[in-house]
C-alpha atoms as a PDB file:
ATOM      1  CA  MET A   1     -25.453 -91.314 -42.945  1.00  0.00           C
ATOM      2  CA  LEU A   2     -22.925 -90.352 -40.264  1.00  0.00           C
ATOM      3  CA  ILE A   3     -22.242 -94.008 -39.440  1.00  0.00           C
ATOM      4  CA  LEU A   4     -21.574 -94.738 -43.109  1.00  0.00           C
ATOM      5  CA  ALA A   5     -19.159 -91.785 -43.301  1.00  0.00           C
ATOM      6  CA  ILE A   6     -17.321 -93.008 -40.185  1.00  0.00           C
ATOM      7  CA  ILE A   7     -16.975 -96.493 -41.678  1.00  0.00           C
ATOM      8  CA  VAL A   8     -15.676 -95.121 -44.997  1.00  0.00           C
ATOM      9  CA  PHE A   9     -13.251 -92.872 -43.088  1.00  0.00           C
ATOM     10  CA  GLY A  10     -12.001 -95.913 -41.154  1.00  0.00           C
ATOM     11  CA  ILE A  11     -11.529 -97.924 -44.337  1.00  0.00           C
ATOM     12  CA  LEU A  12      -9.596 -95.038 -45.872  1.00  0.00           C
ATOM     13  CA  ALA A  13      -7.274 -94.606 -42.886  1.00  0.00           C
ATOM     14  CA  GLY A  14      -6.698 -98.359 -42.472  1.00  0.00           C
ATOM     15  CA  GLY A  15      -6.137 -98.927 -46.186  1.00  0.00           C
ATOM     16  CA  LEU A  16      -3.646 -96.061 -46.377  1.00  0.00           C
ATOM     17  CA  ALA A  17      -1.825 -97.485 -43.354  1.00  0.00           C
ATOM     18  CA  GLN A  18      -1.482-100.883 -45.038  1.00  0.00           C
ATOM     19  CA  LEU A  19      -0.266 -99.240 -48.250  1.00  0.00           C
ATOM     20  CA  ALA A  20       2.293 -97.204 -46.292  1.00  0.00           C
ATOM     21  CA  LEU A  21       3.573-100.422 -44.706  1.00  0.00           C
ATOM     22  CA  GLY A  22       4.253-101.989 -48.094  1.00  0.00           C
ATOM     23  CA  SER A  23       1.067-103.774 -49.147  1.00  0.00           C
ATOM     24  CA  ARG A  24       0.033-103.567 -52.772  1.00  0.00           C
ATOM     25  CA  MET A  25      -3.428-102.257 -53.608  1.00  0.00           C
ATOM     26  CA  ASP A  26      -4.662-105.717 -54.627  1.00  0.00           C
ATOM     27  CA  SER A  27      -3.437-107.332 -51.388  1.00  0.00           C
ATOM     28  CA  VAL A  28      -5.016-104.923 -48.872  1.00  0.00           C
ATOM     29  CA  ASN A  29      -7.051-106.770 -46.237  1.00  0.00           C
ATOM     30  CA  TRP A  30     -10.163-104.575 -46.178  1.00  0.00           C
ATOM     31  CA  SER A  31     -11.666-106.082 -43.048  1.00  0.00           C
ATOM     32  CA  MET A  32      -8.401-105.390 -41.238  1.00  0.00           C
ATOM     33  CA  ALA A  33      -8.375-101.908 -42.784  1.00  0.00           C
ATOM     34  CA  ILE A  34     -11.746-100.988 -41.276  1.00  0.00           C
ATOM     35  CA  VAL A  35     -10.811-102.317 -37.826  1.00  0.00           C
ATOM     36  CA  ALA A  36      -7.392-100.632 -37.926  1.00  0.00           C
ATOM     37  CA  GLY A  37      -8.909 -97.361 -39.121  1.00  0.00           C
ATOM     38  CA  LEU A  38     -11.621 -97.203 -36.477  1.00  0.00           C
ATOM     39  CA  ALA A  39      -9.386 -98.394 -33.639  1.00  0.00           C
ATOM     40  CA  GLY A  40      -6.554 -96.227 -34.952  1.00  0.00           C
ATOM     41  CA  SER A  41      -8.697 -93.135 -34.604  1.00  0.00           C
ATOM     42  CA  PHE A  42      -8.945 -93.714 -30.873  1.00  0.00           C
ATOM     43  CA  VAL A  43      -5.272 -94.719 -30.558  1.00  0.00           C
ATOM     44  CA  GLY A  44      -4.296 -91.534 -32.399  1.00  0.00           C
ATOM     45  CA  GLY A  45      -6.582 -89.478 -30.143  1.00  0.00           C
ATOM     46  CA  LEU A  46      -4.987 -91.057 -27.087  1.00  0.00           C
ATOM     47  CA  LEU A  47      -1.507 -90.205 -28.377  1.00  0.00           C
ATOM     48  CA  VAL A  48      -2.526 -86.613 -29.108  1.00  0.00           C
ATOM     49  CA  SER A  49      -4.013 -86.210 -25.635  1.00  0.00           C
ATOM     50  CA  LEU A  50      -0.814 -87.596 -24.064  1.00  0.00           C
ATOM     51  CA  LEU A  51       1.375 -85.285 -26.134  1.00  0.00           C
ATOM     52  CA  ALA A  52      -0.825 -82.287 -25.328  1.00  0.00           C
ATOM     53  CA  GLY A  53      -0.576 -83.009 -21.598  1.00  0.00           C
ATOM     54  CA  ASP A  54      -4.284 -83.798 -21.151  1.00  0.00           C
ATOM     55  CA  GLY A  55      -3.602 -87.203 -19.587  1.00  0.00           C
ATOM     56  CA  LEU A  56      -5.205 -90.452 -20.667  1.00  0.00           C
ATOM     57  CA  GLN A  57      -8.266 -89.312 -22.596  1.00  0.00           C
ATOM     58  CA  LEU A  58      -9.573 -91.789 -25.128  1.00  0.00           C
ATOM     59  CA  ARG A  59     -11.154 -89.729 -27.899  1.00  0.00           C
ATOM     60  CA  PRO A  60     -11.412 -89.946 -31.675  1.00  0.00           C
ATOM     61  CA  SER A  61      -8.957 -87.960 -33.762  1.00  0.00           C
ATOM     62  CA  GLY A  62      -8.803 -86.455 -37.238  1.00  0.00           C
ATOM     63  CA  LEU A  63      -7.317 -87.803 -40.425  1.00  0.00           C
ATOM     64  CA  ILE A  64      -3.663 -87.562 -39.420  1.00  0.00           C
ATOM     65  CA  GLY A  65      -4.238 -89.024 -35.957  1.00  0.00           C
ATOM     66  CA  SER A  66      -6.337 -91.822 -37.437  1.00  0.00           C
ATOM     67  CA  PHE A  67      -3.639 -92.617 -39.979  1.00  0.00           C
ATOM     68  CA  VAL A  68      -0.887 -92.719 -37.329  1.00  0.00           C
ATOM     69  CA  GLY A  69      -3.085 -94.801 -35.030  1.00  0.00           C
ATOM     70  CA  ALA A  70      -3.963 -97.174 -37.882  1.00  0.00           C
ATOM     71  CA  LEU A  71      -0.247 -97.577 -38.614  1.00  0.00           C
ATOM     72  CA  LEU A  72       0.354 -98.560 -34.988  1.00  0.00           C
ATOM     73  CA  VAL A  73      -2.626-100.933 -34.882  1.00  0.00           C
ATOM     74  CA  THR A  74      -1.576-102.571 -38.170  1.00  0.00           C
ATOM     75  CA  LEU A  75       2.037-102.930 -36.999  1.00  0.00           C
ATOM     76  CA  GLY A  76       0.820-104.478 -33.749  1.00  0.00           C
ATOM     77  CA  TRP A  77      -1.457-106.879 -35.573  1.00  0.00           C
ATOM     78  CA  ASN A  78       1.309-107.923 -37.981  1.00  0.00           C
ATOM     79  CA  ALA A  79       3.670-108.527 -35.059  1.00  0.00           C
ATOM     80  CA  PHE A  80       0.997-110.582 -33.290  1.00  0.00           C
ATOM     81  CA  GLN A  81       0.353-112.651 -36.421  1.00  0.00           C
ATOM     82  CA  GLY A  82       4.103-113.169 -36.958  1.00  0.00           C
ATOM     83  CA  ARG A  83       4.532-114.404 -33.385  1.00  0.00           C
ATOM     84  CA  ARG A  84       1.613-116.841 -33.730  1.00  0.00           C
ATOM     85  CA  ALA A  85       2.973-118.345 -36.953  1.00  0.00           C
END
């Protein structure tokens, strides 16, 4: 049950990140949303640990950190896709 909750949490964070970047609800890439949400949680945790002065500690973060991390992961992915095209 915990794994399912983590996956749903990742989808939520990644989907919100795509919506914040200008996607419409019907054009959200849900597979990208889950990857961005799960990876964004760790990116957000890394940023929080750097800002707190704890050094480079890769750890999961909460909702806000996951959302910020998902924004960064989605922006990075869009930039990578734009460069490839």
